[in-house]
Protein backbone atom coordinates (compact mmCIF):
# COMPACT_ATOMS: atom_id res chain seq x y z
CA UNK A 1 0.00 0.00 0.00
CA UNK A 2 1.40 3.41 -0.91
CA UNK A 3 2.11 6.14 1.65
CA UNK A 4 -0.66 8.45 0.43
CA UNK A 5 -3.28 5.75 0.98
CA UNK A 6 -1.86 4.84 4.40
CA UNK A 7 -1.96 8.51 5.41
CA UNK A 8 -5.56 8.83 4.27
CA UNK A 9 -6.54 5.72 6.25
CA UNK A 10 -4.74 6.90 9.39
CA UNK A 11 -6.50 10.28 9.18
CA UNK A 12 -9.84 8.53 8.72
CA UNK A 13 -9.17 6.23 11.68
CA UNK A 14 -8.22 9.17 13.91
CA UNK A 15 -11.40 10.94 12.82
CA UNK A 16 -13.47 7.93 13.94
CA UNK A 17 -12.06 8.09 17.47
CA UNK A 18 -14.57 10.28 19.32
CA UNK A 19 -12.38 10.61 22.42
CA UNK A 20 -9.64 12.57 20.61
CA UNK A 21 -9.55 15.81 18.64
CA UNK A 22 -8.07 14.55 15.37
CA UNK A 23 -7.97 18.07 13.93
CA UNK A 24 -5.02 18.82 16.22
CA UNK A 25 -2.95 15.86 15.00
CA UNK A 26 -0.89 15.94 11.81
CA UNK A 27 0.07 12.76 9.98
CA UNK A 28 2.99 12.08 7.66
CA UNK A 29 3.99 8.71 6.23
CA UNK A 30 7.34 7.57 4.86
CA UNK A 31 7.68 3.94 3.73
CA UNK A 32 4.85 2.89 6.05
CA UNK A 33 6.31 4.70 9.07
CA UNK A 34 3.69 7.11 10.40
CA UNK A 35 4.71 10.26 12.26
CA UNK A 36 2.06 11.89 14.44
CA UNK A 37 2.59 15.56 15.33
CA UNK A 38 0.47 18.11 17.11
CA UNK A 39 -1.07 18.43 20.52
CA UNK A 40 -3.78 16.83 22.63
CA UNK A 41 -5.50 17.67 25.91
CA UNK A 42 -4.25 14.74 27.99
CA UNK A 43 -2.09 11.63 28.07
CA UNK A 44 -4.96 9.29 27.25
CA UNK A 45 -5.56 11.06 23.93
CA UNK A 46 -1.87 10.79 23.10
CA UNK A 47 -1.82 7.04 23.64
CA UNK A 48 -5.12 6.51 21.85
CA UNK A 49 -3.88 8.35 18.76
CA UNK A 50 -0.81 6.13 18.67
CA UNK A 51 -2.79 2.91 19.16
CA UNK A 52 -5.36 3.88 16.53
CA UNK A 53 -2.61 4.60 13.98
CA UNK A 54 -0.83 1.31 14.73
CA UNK A 55 -3.98 -0.64 13.90
CA UNK A 56 -4.30 0.73 10.37
CA UNK A 57 -3.31 -1.71 7.65
CA UNK A 58 -0.04 -0.71 5.98
CA UNK A 59 1.42 1.01 9.05
CA UNK A 60 4.81 -0.46 9.88
CA UNK A 61 5.63 1.77 12.85
CA UNK A 62 4.50 4.97 14.56
CA UNK A 63 6.74 7.85 15.59
CA UNK A 64 4.80 9.83 18.16
CA UNK A 65 5.69 13.50 18.50
CA UNK A 66 2.48 14.67 20.13
CA UNK A 67 2.63 17.26 22.88
CA UNK A 68 0.22 17.15 25.81
CA UNK A 69 -1.21 20.59 26.53
CA UNK A 70 -3.17 20.47 29.74
CA UNK A 71 -5.99 22.99 30.20
CA UNK A 72 -4.84 26.32 31.69
CA UNK A 73 -7.09 26.08 34.71
CA UNK A 74 -6.39 23.04 36.82
CA UNK A 75 -8.75 21.87 39.52
CA UNK A 76 -7.61 22.28 43.08
CA UNK A 77 -5.89 19.18 44.35
CA UNK A 78 -4.65 18.12 40.90
CA UNK A 79 -1.06 17.03 40.94
CA UNK A 80 1.39 16.07 38.23
CA UNK A 81 2.06 12.34 38.46
CA UNK A 82 5.64 11.55 39.46
CA UNK A 83 6.18 9.10 36.60
CA UNK A 84 4.46 11.05 33.83
CA UNK A 85 5.25 8.69 30.92
CA UNK A 86 4.06 5.51 32.61
CA UNK A 87 0.97 7.35 33.84
CA UNK A 88 0.23 8.40 30.24
CA UNK A 89 0.64 4.85 29.01
CA UNK A 90 -1.66 3.42 31.70
CA UNK A 91 -4.27 6.06 30.92
CA UNK A 92 -4.15 5.30 27.21
CA UNK A 93 -4.52 1.55 27.65
CA UNK A 94 -7.48 1.96 29.96
CA UNK A 95 -9.36 4.58 27.90
CA UNK A 96 -13.08 3.79 27.70
CA UNK A 97 -14.58 3.17 24.29
CA UNK A 98 -11.36 2.31 22.48
CA UNK A 99 -12.49 -1.21 21.59
CA UNK A 100 -15.49 0.25 19.76
CA UNK A 101 -13.15 2.37 17.66
CA UNK A 102 -10.84 -0.58 16.99
CA UNK A 103 -13.77 -2.60 15.66
CA UNK A 104 -14.41 0.02 12.96
CA UNK A 105 -10.83 0.14 11.68
CA UNK A 106 -11.23 -2.16 8.73
CA UNK A 107 -9.85 -0.41 5.67
CA UNK A 108 -9.35 -2.10 2.35
PDB file of N, CA and C in Angstrom:
ATOM      1  N   UNK A   1       0.855  -1.174   0.000  1.00  0.00           N
ATOM      2  CA  UNK A   1       0.000   0.000   0.000  1.00  0.00           C
ATOM      3  C   UNK A   1       0.902   1.239   0.000  1.00  0.00           C
ATOM      4  N   UNK A   2       0.549   2.226  -0.814  1.00  0.00           N
ATOM      5  CA  UNK A   2       1.402   3.414  -0.909  1.00  0.00           C
ATOM      6  C   UNK A   2       1.172   4.357   0.280  1.00  0.00           C
ATOM      7  N   UNK A   3       2.130   5.246   0.494  1.00  0.00           N
ATOM      8  CA  UNK A   3       2.110   6.143   1.654  1.00  0.00           C
ATOM      9  C   UNK A   3       0.913   7.086   1.654  1.00  0.00           C
ATOM     10  N   UNK A   4       0.485   7.533   0.493  1.00  0.00           N
ATOM     11  CA  UNK A   4      -0.659   8.447   0.432  1.00  0.00           C
ATOM     12  C   UNK A   4      -1.927   7.753   0.930  1.00  0.00           C
ATOM     13  N   UNK A   5      -2.106   6.510   0.532  1.00  0.00           N
ATOM     14  CA  UNK A   5      -3.276   5.745   0.979  1.00  0.00           C
ATOM     15  C   UNK A   5      -3.213   5.469   2.471  1.00  0.00           C
ATOM     16  N   UNK A   6      -2.030   5.094   2.956  1.00  0.00           N
ATOM     17  CA  UNK A   6      -1.862   4.839   4.395  1.00  0.00           C
ATOM     18  C   UNK A   6      -2.184   6.108   5.182  1.00  0.00           C
ATOM     19  N   UNK A   7      -1.694   7.241   4.725  1.00  0.00           N
ATOM     20  CA  UNK A   7      -1.964   8.515   5.411  1.00  0.00           C
ATOM     21  C   UNK A   7      -3.458   8.801   5.453  1.00  0.00           C
ATOM     22  N   UNK A   8      -4.116   8.592   4.332  1.00  0.00           N
ATOM     23  CA  UNK A   8      -5.563   8.826   4.271  1.00  0.00           C
ATOM     24  C   UNK A   8      -6.303   7.914   5.252  1.00  0.00           C
ATOM     25  N   UNK A   9      -5.897   6.663   5.330  1.00  0.00           N
ATOM     26  CA  UNK A   9      -6.539   5.720   6.246  1.00  0.00           C
ATOM     27  C   UNK A   9      -6.272   6.058   7.709  1.00  0.00           C
ATOM     28  N   UNK A  10      -5.055   6.503   8.013  1.00  0.00           N
ATOM     29  CA  UNK A  10      -4.744   6.903   9.388  1.00  0.00           C
ATOM     30  C   UNK A  10      -5.580   8.113   9.785  1.00  0.00           C
ATOM     31  N   UNK A  11      -5.667   9.101   8.893  1.00  0.00           N
ATOM     32  CA  UNK A  11      -6.495  10.283   9.179  1.00  0.00           C
ATOM     33  C   UNK A  11      -7.953   9.900   9.388  1.00  0.00           C
ATOM     34  N   UNK A  12      -8.454   8.987   8.566  1.00  0.00           N
ATOM     35  CA  UNK A  12      -9.840   8.534   8.717  1.00  0.00           C
ATOM     36  C   UNK A  12     -10.038   7.816  10.050  1.00  0.00           C
ATOM     37  N   UNK A  13      -9.072   6.967  10.415  1.00  0.00           N
ATOM     38  CA  UNK A  13      -9.167   6.231  11.676  1.00  0.00           C
ATOM     39  C   UNK A  13      -9.140   7.181  12.868  1.00  0.00           C
ATOM     40  N   UNK A  14      -8.277   8.185  12.831  1.00  0.00           N
ATOM     41  CA  UNK A  14      -8.223   9.170  13.912  1.00  0.00           C
ATOM     42  C   UNK A  14      -9.538   9.941  13.990  1.00  0.00           C
ATOM     43  N   UNK A  15     -10.118  10.231  12.843  1.00  0.00           N
ATOM     44  CA  UNK A  15     -11.396  10.938  12.818  1.00  0.00           C
ATOM     45  C   UNK A  15     -12.542  10.130  13.398  1.00  0.00           C
ATOM     46  N   UNK A  16     -12.428   8.799  13.372  1.00  0.00           N
ATOM     47  CA  UNK A  16     -13.465   7.933  13.937  1.00  0.00           C
ATOM     48  C   UNK A  16     -13.362   7.789  15.457  1.00  0.00           C
ATOM     49  N   UNK A  17     -12.266   8.208  16.018  1.00  0.00           N
ATOM     50  CA  UNK A  17     -12.056   8.085  17.468  1.00  0.00           C
ATOM     51  C   UNK A  17     -12.685   9.293  18.161  1.00  0.00           C
ATOM     52  N   UNK A  18     -13.872   9.133  18.739  1.00  0.00           N
ATOM     53  CA  UNK A  18     -14.571  10.283  19.321  1.00  0.00           C
ATOM     54  C   UNK A  18     -13.906  10.862  20.557  1.00  0.00           C
ATOM     55  N   UNK A  19     -12.984  10.115  21.185  1.00  0.00           N
ATOM     56  CA  UNK A  19     -12.375  10.607  22.417  1.00  0.00           C
ATOM     57  C   UNK A  19     -11.127  11.441  22.187  1.00  0.00           C
ATOM     58  N   UNK A  20     -10.776  11.695  20.894  1.00  0.00           N
ATOM     59  CA  UNK A  20      -9.639  12.566  20.606  1.00  0.00           C
ATOM     60  C   UNK A  20     -10.051  13.633  19.595  1.00  0.00           C
ATOM     61  N   UNK A  21      -9.321  14.736  19.599  1.00  0.00           N
ATOM     62  CA  UNK A  21      -9.546  15.807  18.639  1.00  0.00           C
ATOM     63  C   UNK A  21      -8.547  15.618  17.504  1.00  0.00           C
ATOM     64  N   UNK A  22      -8.960  14.898  16.475  1.00  0.00           N
ATOM     65  CA  UNK A  22      -8.066  14.551  15.371  1.00  0.00           C
ATOM     66  C   UNK A  22      -7.610  15.767  14.583  1.00  0.00           C
ATOM     67  N   UNK A  23      -8.344  16.861  14.662  1.00  0.00           N
ATOM     68  CA  UNK A  23      -7.965  18.069  13.928  1.00  0.00           C
ATOM     69  C   UNK A  23      -6.649  18.652  14.434  1.00  0.00           C
ATOM     70  N   UNK A  24      -6.253  18.295  15.638  1.00  0.00           N
ATOM     71  CA  UNK A  24      -5.019  18.817  16.220  1.00  0.00           C
ATOM     72  C   UNK A  24      -3.821  17.901  15.993  1.00  0.00           C
ATOM     73  N   UNK A  25      -4.016  16.829  15.222  1.00  0.00           N
ATOM     74  CA  UNK A  25      -2.947  15.858  15.000  1.00  0.00           C
ATOM     75  C   UNK A  25      -2.622  15.793  13.510  1.00  0.00           C
ATOM     76  N   UNK A  26      -1.358  16.050  13.181  1.00  0.00           N
ATOM     77  CA  UNK A  26      -0.893  15.942  11.807  1.00  0.00           C
ATOM     78  C   UNK A  26      -0.284  14.578  11.561  1.00  0.00           C
ATOM     79  N   UNK A  27      -0.416  14.094  10.324  1.00  0.00           N
ATOM     80  CA  UNK A  27       0.066  12.763   9.984  1.00  0.00           C
ATOM     81  C   UNK A  27       0.941  12.838   8.742  1.00  0.00           C
ATOM     82  N   UNK A  28       2.146  12.269   8.835  1.00  0.00           N
ATOM     83  CA  UNK A  28       2.994  12.082   7.665  1.00  0.00           C
ATOM     84  C   UNK A  28       3.393  10.612   7.616  1.00  0.00           C
ATOM     85  N   UNK A  29       3.637  10.117   6.404  1.00  0.00           N
ATOM     86  CA  UNK A  29       3.992   8.711   6.234  1.00  0.00           C
ATOM     87  C   UNK A  29       5.178   8.616   5.298  1.00  0.00           C
ATOM     88  N   UNK A  30       6.168   7.821   5.693  1.00  0.00           N
ATOM     89  CA  UNK A  30       7.341   7.573   4.861  1.00  0.00           C
ATOM     90  C   UNK A  30       7.651   6.084   4.917  1.00  0.00           C
ATOM     91  N   UNK A  31       7.433   5.388   3.824  1.00  0.00           N
ATOM     92  CA  UNK A  31       7.679   3.938   3.732  1.00  0.00           C
ATOM     93  C   UNK A  31       6.907   3.165   4.799  1.00  0.00           C
ATOM     94  N   UNK A  32       5.690   3.573   5.075  1.00  0.00           N
ATOM     95  CA  UNK A  32       4.851   2.887   6.052  1.00  0.00           C
ATOM     96  C   UNK A  32       5.072   3.322   7.490  1.00  0.00           C
ATOM     97  N   UNK A  33       6.054   4.193   7.727  1.00  0.00           N
ATOM     98  CA  UNK A  33       6.312   4.701   9.075  1.00  0.00           C
ATOM     99  C   UNK A  33       5.525   5.998   9.245  1.00  0.00           C
ATOM    100  N   UNK A  34       4.585   5.977  10.166  1.00  0.00           N
ATOM    101  CA  UNK A  34       3.689   7.107  10.402  1.00  0.00           C
ATOM    102  C   UNK A  34       4.277   8.000  11.494  1.00  0.00           C
ATOM    103  N   UNK A  35       4.302   9.300  11.236  1.00  0.00           N
ATOM    104  CA  UNK A  35       4.708  10.265  12.257  1.00  0.00           C
ATOM    105  C   UNK A  35       3.481  11.089  12.630  1.00  0.00           C
ATOM    106  N   UNK A  36       3.176  11.111  13.918  1.00  0.00           N
ATOM    107  CA  UNK A  36       2.059  11.890  14.442  1.00  0.00           C
ATOM    108  C   UNK A  36       2.625  13.126  15.127  1.00  0.00           C
ATOM    109  N   UNK A  37       2.151  14.301  14.727  1.00  0.00           N
ATOM    110  CA  UNK A  37       2.594  15.560  15.332  1.00  0.00           C
ATOM    111  C   UNK A  37       1.377  16.375  15.715  1.00  0.00           C
ATOM    112  N   UNK A  38       1.551  17.229  16.693  1.00  0.00           N
ATOM    113  CA  UNK A  38       0.471  18.113  17.106  1.00  0.00           C
ATOM    114  C   UNK A  38       0.358  18.153  18.609  1.00  0.00           C
ATOM    115  N   UNK A  39      -0.867  18.385  19.075  1.00  0.00           N
ATOM    116  CA  UNK A  39      -1.070  18.428  20.518  1.00  0.00           C
ATOM    117  C   UNK A  39      -2.459  17.878  20.865  1.00  0.00           C
ATOM    118  N   UNK A  40      -2.537  17.382  22.088  1.00  0.00           N
ATOM    119  CA  UNK A  40      -3.780  16.830  22.633  1.00  0.00           C
ATOM    120  C   UNK A  40      -3.981  17.375  24.032  1.00  0.00           C
ATOM    121  N   UNK A  41      -5.153  17.120  24.603  1.00  0.00           N
ATOM    122  CA  UNK A  41      -5.504  17.671  25.912  1.00  0.00           C
ATOM    123  C   UNK A  41      -4.996  16.852  27.089  1.00  0.00           C
ATOM    124  N   UNK A  42      -4.701  15.562  26.865  1.00  0.00           N
ATOM    125  CA  UNK A  42      -4.253  14.737  27.989  1.00  0.00           C
ATOM    126  C   UNK A  42      -3.483  13.513  27.480  1.00  0.00           C
ATOM    127  N   UNK A  43      -2.919  12.789  28.407  1.00  0.00           N
ATOM    128  CA  UNK A  43      -2.093  11.628  28.074  1.00  0.00           C
ATOM    129  C   UNK A  43      -2.894  10.515  27.418  1.00  0.00           C
ATOM    130  N   UNK A  44      -4.140  10.346  27.829  1.00  0.00           N
ATOM    131  CA  UNK A  44      -4.963   9.294  27.250  1.00  0.00           C
ATOM    132  C   UNK A  44      -5.140   9.520  25.757  1.00  0.00           C
ATOM    133  N   UNK A  45      -5.397  10.757  25.348  1.00  0.00           N
ATOM    134  CA  UNK A  45      -5.561  11.056  23.928  1.00  0.00           C
ATOM    135  C   UNK A  45      -4.286  10.754  23.145  1.00  0.00           C
ATOM    136  N   UNK A  46      -3.164  11.040  23.742  1.00  0.00           N
ATOM    137  CA  UNK A  46      -1.869  10.786  23.097  1.00  0.00           C
ATOM    138  C   UNK A  46      -1.700   9.292  22.811  1.00  0.00           C
ATOM    139  N   UNK A  47      -1.946   8.485  23.807  1.00  0.00           N
ATOM    140  CA  UNK A  47      -1.824   7.037  23.642  1.00  0.00           C
ATOM    141  C   UNK A  47      -2.856   6.464  22.693  1.00  0.00           C
ATOM    142  N   UNK A  48      -4.070   6.989  22.742  1.00  0.00           N
ATOM    143  CA  UNK A  48      -5.123   6.510  21.853  1.00  0.00           C
ATOM    144  C   UNK A  48      -4.762   6.798  20.409  1.00  0.00           C
ATOM    145  N   UNK A  49      -4.262   7.989  20.131  1.00  0.00           N
ATOM    146  CA  UNK A  49      -3.876   8.347  18.763  1.00  0.00           C
ATOM    147  C   UNK A  49      -2.816   7.372  18.238  1.00  0.00           C
ATOM    148  N   UNK A  50      -1.860   7.058  19.068  1.00  0.00           N
ATOM    149  CA  UNK A  50      -0.807   6.129  18.668  1.00  0.00           C
ATOM    150  C   UNK A  50      -1.363   4.738  18.410  1.00  0.00           C
ATOM    151  N   UNK A  51      -2.210   4.256  19.306  1.00  0.00           N
ATOM    152  CA  UNK A  51      -2.792   2.913  19.158  1.00  0.00           C
ATOM    153  C   UNK A  51      -3.695   2.823  17.942  1.00  0.00           C
ATOM    154  N   UNK A  52      -4.475   3.869  17.697  1.00  0.00           N
ATOM    155  CA  UNK A  52      -5.358   3.876  16.526  1.00  0.00           C
ATOM    156  C   UNK A  52      -4.525   3.809  15.249  1.00  0.00           C
ATOM    157  N   UNK A  53      -3.464   4.601  15.173  1.00  0.00           N
ATOM    158  CA  UNK A  53      -2.607   4.600  13.983  1.00  0.00           C
ATOM    159  C   UNK A  53      -1.936   3.241  13.775  1.00  0.00           C
ATOM    160  N   UNK A  54      -1.495   2.608  14.840  1.00  0.00           N
ATOM    161  CA  UNK A  54      -0.834   1.308  14.732  1.00  0.00           C
ATOM    162  C   UNK A  54      -1.742   0.225  14.167  1.00  0.00           C
ATOM    163  N   UNK A  55      -3.034   0.380  14.338  1.00  0.00           N
ATOM    164  CA  UNK A  55      -3.978  -0.644  13.897  1.00  0.00           C
ATOM    165  C   UNK A  55      -4.395  -0.510  12.431  1.00  0.00           C
ATOM    166  N   UNK A  56      -3.940   0.530  11.770  1.00  0.00           N
ATOM    167  CA  UNK A  56      -4.300   0.732  10.366  1.00  0.00           C
ATOM    168  C   UNK A  56      -3.415  -0.149   9.491  1.00  0.00           C
ATOM    169  N   UNK A  57      -4.041  -0.838   8.562  1.00  0.00           N
ATOM    170  CA  UNK A  57      -3.305  -1.707   7.651  1.00  0.00           C
ATOM    171  C   UNK A  57      -2.302  -0.884   6.840  1.00  0.00           C
ATOM    172  N   UNK A  58      -1.092  -1.394   6.724  1.00  0.00           N
ATOM    173  CA  UNK A  58      -0.042  -0.710   5.980  1.00  0.00           C
ATOM    174  C   UNK A  58       0.912   0.083   6.854  1.00  0.00           C
ATOM    175  N   UNK A  59       0.554   0.275   8.128  1.00  0.00           N
ATOM    176  CA  UNK A  59       1.417   1.010   9.053  1.00  0.00           C
ATOM    177  C   UNK A  59       2.462   0.050   9.604  1.00  0.00           C
ATOM    178  N   UNK A  60       3.718   0.382   9.394  1.00  0.00           N
ATOM    179  CA  UNK A  60       4.810  -0.460   9.879  1.00  0.00           C
ATOM    180  C   UNK A  60       5.271  -0.051  11.266  1.00  0.00           C
ATOM    181  N   UNK A  61       5.212   1.249  11.557  1.00  0.00           N
ATOM    182  CA  UNK A  61       5.634   1.772  12.852  1.00  0.00           C
ATOM    183  C   UNK A  61       5.034   3.161  13.022  1.00  0.00           C
ATOM    184  N   UNK A  62       5.008   3.634  14.267  1.00  0.00           N
ATOM    185  CA  UNK A  62       4.497   4.971  14.559  1.00  0.00           C
ATOM    186  C   UNK A  62       5.550   5.739  15.351  1.00  0.00           C
ATOM    187  N   UNK A  63       5.863   6.922  14.866  1.00  0.00           N
ATOM    188  CA  UNK A  63       6.737   7.848  15.585  1.00  0.00           C
ATOM    189  C   UNK A  63       5.804   8.891  16.180  1.00  0.00           C
ATOM    190  N   UNK A  64       5.753   8.949  17.471  1.00  0.00           N
ATOM    191  CA  UNK A  64       4.799   9.827  18.156  1.00  0.00           C
ATOM    192  C   UNK A  64       5.519  11.079  18.639  1.00  0.00           C
ATOM    193  N   UNK A  65       5.120  12.217  18.097  1.00  0.00           N
ATOM    194  CA  UNK A  65       5.693  13.500  18.502  1.00  0.00           C
ATOM    195  C   UNK A  65       4.569  14.445  18.912  1.00  0.00           C
ATOM    196  N   UNK A  66       3.652  13.911  19.677  1.00  0.00           N
ATOM    197  CA  UNK A  66       2.481  14.669  20.125  1.00  0.00           C
ATOM    198  C   UNK A  66       2.768  15.276  21.485  1.00  0.00           C
ATOM    199  N   UNK A  67       2.440  16.535  21.625  1.00  0.00           N
ATOM    200  CA  UNK A  67       2.633  17.261  22.882  1.00  0.00           C
ATOM    201  C   UNK A  67       1.319  17.274  23.659  1.00  0.00           C
ATOM    202  N   UNK A  68       1.400  17.041  24.954  1.00  0.00           N
ATOM    203  CA  UNK A  68       0.223  17.148  25.814  1.00  0.00           C
ATOM    204  C   UNK A  68       0.144  18.572  26.328  1.00  0.00           C
ATOM    205  N   UNK A  69      -0.970  19.228  26.040  1.00  0.00           N
ATOM    206  CA  UNK A  69      -1.213  20.586  26.532  1.00  0.00           C
ATOM    207  C   UNK A  69      -2.409  20.541  27.459  1.00  0.00           C
ATOM    208  N   UNK A  70      -2.110  20.509  28.742  1.00  0.00           N
ATOM    209  CA  UNK A  70      -3.171  20.465  29.739  1.00  0.00           C
ATOM    210  C   UNK A  70      -3.942  21.787  29.737  1.00  0.00           C
ATOM    211  N   UNK A  71      -5.220  21.749  30.109  1.00  0.00           N
ATOM    212  CA  UNK A  71      -5.992  22.992  30.202  1.00  0.00           C
ATOM    213  C   UNK A  71      -5.319  23.975  31.144  1.00  0.00           C
ATOM    214  N   UNK A  72      -5.478  25.279  30.876  1.00  0.00           N
ATOM    215  CA  UNK A  72      -4.843  26.317  31.686  1.00  0.00           C
ATOM    216  C   UNK A  72      -5.289  26.284  33.138  1.00  0.00           C
ATOM    217  N   UNK A  73      -6.562  26.083  33.350  1.00  0.00           N
ATOM    218  CA  UNK A  73      -7.087  26.076  34.715  1.00  0.00           C
ATOM    219  C   UNK A  73      -7.140  24.646  35.229  1.00  0.00           C
ATOM    220  N   UNK A  74      -6.341  24.368  36.232  1.00  0.00           N
ATOM    221  CA  UNK A  74      -6.387  23.038  36.824  1.00  0.00           C
ATOM    222  C   UNK A  74      -7.272  23.080  38.066  1.00  0.00           C
ATOM    223  N   UNK A  75      -7.905  21.961  38.324  1.00  0.00           N
ATOM    224  CA  UNK A  75      -8.749  21.874  39.516  1.00  0.00           C
ATOM    225  C   UNK A  75      -7.881  21.818  40.760  1.00  0.00           C
ATOM    226  N   UNK A  76      -8.390  22.321  41.844  1.00  0.00           N
ATOM    227  CA  UNK A  76      -7.611  22.281  43.076  1.00  0.00           C
ATOM    228  C   UNK A  76      -7.398  20.833  43.485  1.00  0.00           C
ATOM    229  N   UNK A  77      -6.218  20.540  43.929  1.00  0.00           N
ATOM    230  CA  UNK A  77      -5.894  19.183  44.349  1.00  0.00           C
ATOM    231  C   UNK A  77      -5.261  18.356  43.245  1.00  0.00           C
ATOM    232  N   UNK A  78      -5.292  18.854  41.979  1.00  0.00           N
ATOM    233  CA  UNK A  78      -4.648  18.117  40.904  1.00  0.00           C
ATOM    234  C   UNK A  78      -3.140  18.174  41.097  1.00  0.00           C
ATOM    235  N   UNK A  79      -2.507  17.075  40.813  1.00  0.00           N
ATOM    236  CA  UNK A  79      -1.059  17.026  40.940  1.00  0.00           C
ATOM    237  C   UNK A  79      -0.482  16.349  39.709  1.00  0.00           C
ATOM    238  N   UNK A  80       0.706  16.712  39.342  1.00  0.00           N
ATOM    239  CA  UNK A  80       1.385  16.067  38.231  1.00  0.00           C
ATOM    240  C   UNK A  80       1.909  14.727  38.726  1.00  0.00           C
ATOM    241  N   UNK A  81       1.571  13.644  38.025  1.00  0.00           N
ATOM    242  CA  UNK A  81       2.055  12.336  38.460  1.00  0.00           C
ATOM    243  C   UNK A  81       3.580  12.289  38.450  1.00  0.00           C
ATOM    244  N   UNK A  82       4.188  11.595  39.400  1.00  0.00           N
ATOM    245  CA  UNK A  82       5.644  11.552  39.460  1.00  0.00           C
ATOM    246  C   UNK A  82       6.264  10.873  38.245  1.00  0.00           C
ATOM    247  N   UNK A  83       5.659   9.793  37.773  1.00  0.00           N
ATOM    248  CA  UNK A  83       6.180   9.096  36.595  1.00  0.00           C
ATOM    249  C   UNK A  83       5.220   9.388  35.447  1.00  0.00           C
ATOM    250  N   UNK A  84       5.399  10.546  34.824  1.00  0.00           N
ATOM    251  CA  UNK A  84       4.462  11.055  33.827  1.00  0.00           C
ATOM    252  C   UNK A  84       4.283  10.099  32.655  1.00  0.00           C
ATOM    253  N   UNK A  85       5.367   9.546  32.105  1.00  0.00           N
ATOM    254  CA  UNK A  85       5.246   8.688  30.919  1.00  0.00           C
ATOM    255  C   UNK A  85       4.470   7.420  31.228  1.00  0.00           C
ATOM    256  N   UNK A  86       4.782   6.740  32.309  1.00  0.00           N
ATOM    257  CA  UNK A  86       4.056   5.506  32.607  1.00  0.00           C
ATOM    258  C   UNK A  86       2.601   5.807  32.942  1.00  0.00           C
ATOM    259  N   UNK A  87       2.346   6.955  33.558  1.00  0.00           N
ATOM    260  CA  UNK A  87       0.967   7.349  33.840  1.00  0.00           C
ATOM    261  C   UNK A  87       0.212   7.545  32.536  1.00  0.00           C
ATOM    262  N   UNK A  88       0.851   8.190  31.551  1.00  0.00           N
ATOM    263  CA  UNK A  88       0.231   8.402  30.242  1.00  0.00           C
ATOM    264  C   UNK A  88      -0.087   7.065  29.578  1.00  0.00           C
ATOM    265  N   UNK A  89       0.851   6.146  29.641  1.00  0.00           N
ATOM    266  CA  UNK A  89       0.637   4.846  29.007  1.00  0.00           C
ATOM    267  C   UNK A  89      -0.496   4.086  29.674  1.00  0.00           C
ATOM    268  N   UNK A  90      -0.557   4.103  31.003  1.00  0.00           N
ATOM    269  CA  UNK A  90      -1.657   3.424  31.698  1.00  0.00           C
ATOM    270  C   UNK A  90      -2.994   4.052  31.332  1.00  0.00           C
ATOM    271  N   UNK A  91      -3.032   5.369  31.257  1.00  0.00           N
ATOM    272  CA  UNK A  91      -4.272   6.064  30.920  1.00  0.00           C
ATOM    273  C   UNK A  91      -4.728   5.703  29.516  1.00  0.00           C
ATOM    274  N   UNK A  92      -3.798   5.615  28.591  1.00  0.00           N
ATOM    275  CA  UNK A  92      -4.154   5.299  27.209  1.00  0.00           C
ATOM    276  C   UNK A  92      -4.688   3.882  27.078  1.00  0.00           C
ATOM    277  N   UNK A  93      -4.079   2.943  27.774  1.00  0.00           N
ATOM    278  CA  UNK A  93      -4.518   1.551  27.652  1.00  0.00           C
ATOM    279  C   UNK A  93      -5.842   1.303  28.346  1.00  0.00           C
ATOM    280  N   UNK A  94      -6.227   2.173  29.256  1.00  0.00           N
ATOM    281  CA  UNK A  94      -7.484   1.958  29.964  1.00  0.00           C
ATOM    282  C   UNK A  94      -8.579   2.917  29.505  1.00  0.00           C
ATOM    283  N   UNK A  95      -8.373   3.600  28.382  1.00  0.00           N
ATOM    284  CA  UNK A  95      -9.358   4.577  27.900  1.00  0.00           C
ATOM    285  C   UNK A  95     -10.662   3.883  27.526  1.00  0.00           C
ATOM    286  N   UNK A  96     -11.792   4.411  28.021  1.00  0.00           N
ATOM    287  CA  UNK A  96     -13.076   3.789  27.697  1.00  0.00           C
ATOM    288  C   UNK A  96     -13.434   4.014  26.235  1.00  0.00           C
ATOM    289  N   UNK A  97     -14.081   3.023  25.639  1.00  0.00           N
ATOM    290  CA  UNK A  97     -14.582   3.169  24.286  1.00  0.00           C
ATOM    291  C   UNK A  97     -13.592   2.864  23.188  1.00  0.00           C
ATOM    292  N   UNK A  98     -12.354   2.541  23.525  1.00  0.00           N
ATOM    293  CA  UNK A  98     -11.359   2.313  22.482  1.00  0.00           C
ATOM    294  C   UNK A  98     -11.676   1.056  21.690  1.00  0.00           C
ATOM    295  N   UNK A  99     -12.198   0.017  22.336  1.00  0.00           N
ATOM    296  CA  UNK A  99     -12.488  -1.211  21.591  1.00  0.00           C
ATOM    297  C   UNK A  99     -13.539  -0.969  20.524  1.00  0.00           C
ATOM    298  N   UNK A 100     -14.477  -0.068  20.768  1.00  0.00           N
ATOM    299  CA  UNK A 100     -15.493   0.248  19.761  1.00  0.00           C
ATOM    300  C   UNK A 100     -14.855   0.901  18.547  1.00  0.00           C
ATOM    301  N   UNK A 101     -13.853   1.727  18.767  1.00  0.00           N
ATOM    302  CA  UNK A 101     -13.150   2.368  17.655  1.00  0.00           C
ATOM    303  C   UNK A 101     -12.342   1.329  16.897  1.00  0.00           C
ATOM    304  N   UNK A 102     -11.662   0.433  17.627  1.00  0.00           N
ATOM    305  CA  UNK A 102     -10.841  -0.581  16.985  1.00  0.00           C
ATOM    306  C   UNK A 102     -11.679  -1.470  16.077  1.00  0.00           C
ATOM    307  N   UNK A 103     -12.911  -1.754  16.452  1.00  0.00           N
ATOM    308  CA  UNK A 103     -13.771  -2.602  15.662  1.00  0.00           C
ATOM    309  C   UNK A 103     -14.104  -1.983  14.307  1.00  0.00           C
ATOM    310  N   UNK A 104     -14.062  -0.652  14.211  1.00  0.00           N
ATOM    311  CA  UNK A 104     -14.413   0.019  12.964  1.00  0.00           C
ATOM    312  C   UNK A 104     -13.208   0.242  12.055  1.00  0.00           C
ATOM    313  N   UNK A 105     -12.027  -0.146  12.463  1.00  0.00           N
ATOM    314  CA  UNK A 105     -10.827   0.136  11.682  1.00  0.00           C
ATOM    315  C   UNK A 105     -10.538  -0.971  10.677  1.00  0.00           C
ATOM    316  N   UNK A 106     -11.427  -1.169   9.753  1.00  0.00           N
ATOM    317  CA  UNK A 106     -11.227  -2.164   8.730  1.00  0.00           C
ATOM    318  C   UNK A 106     -11.202  -1.465   7.380  1.00  0.00           C
ATOM    319  N   UNK A 107     -10.027  -1.083   6.946  1.00  0.00           N
ATOM    320  CA  UNK A 107      -9.853  -0.408   5.672  1.00  0.00           C
ATOM    321  C   UNK A 107      -9.381  -1.406   4.647  1.00  0.00           C
ATOM    322  N   UNK A 108      -9.774  -1.200   3.434  1.00  0.00           N
ATOM    323  CA  UNK A 108      -9.353  -2.103   2.352  1.00  0.00           C
ATOM    324  C   UNK A 108      -7.928  -1.849   1.949  1.00  0.00           C
TER     325      UNK A 108
END
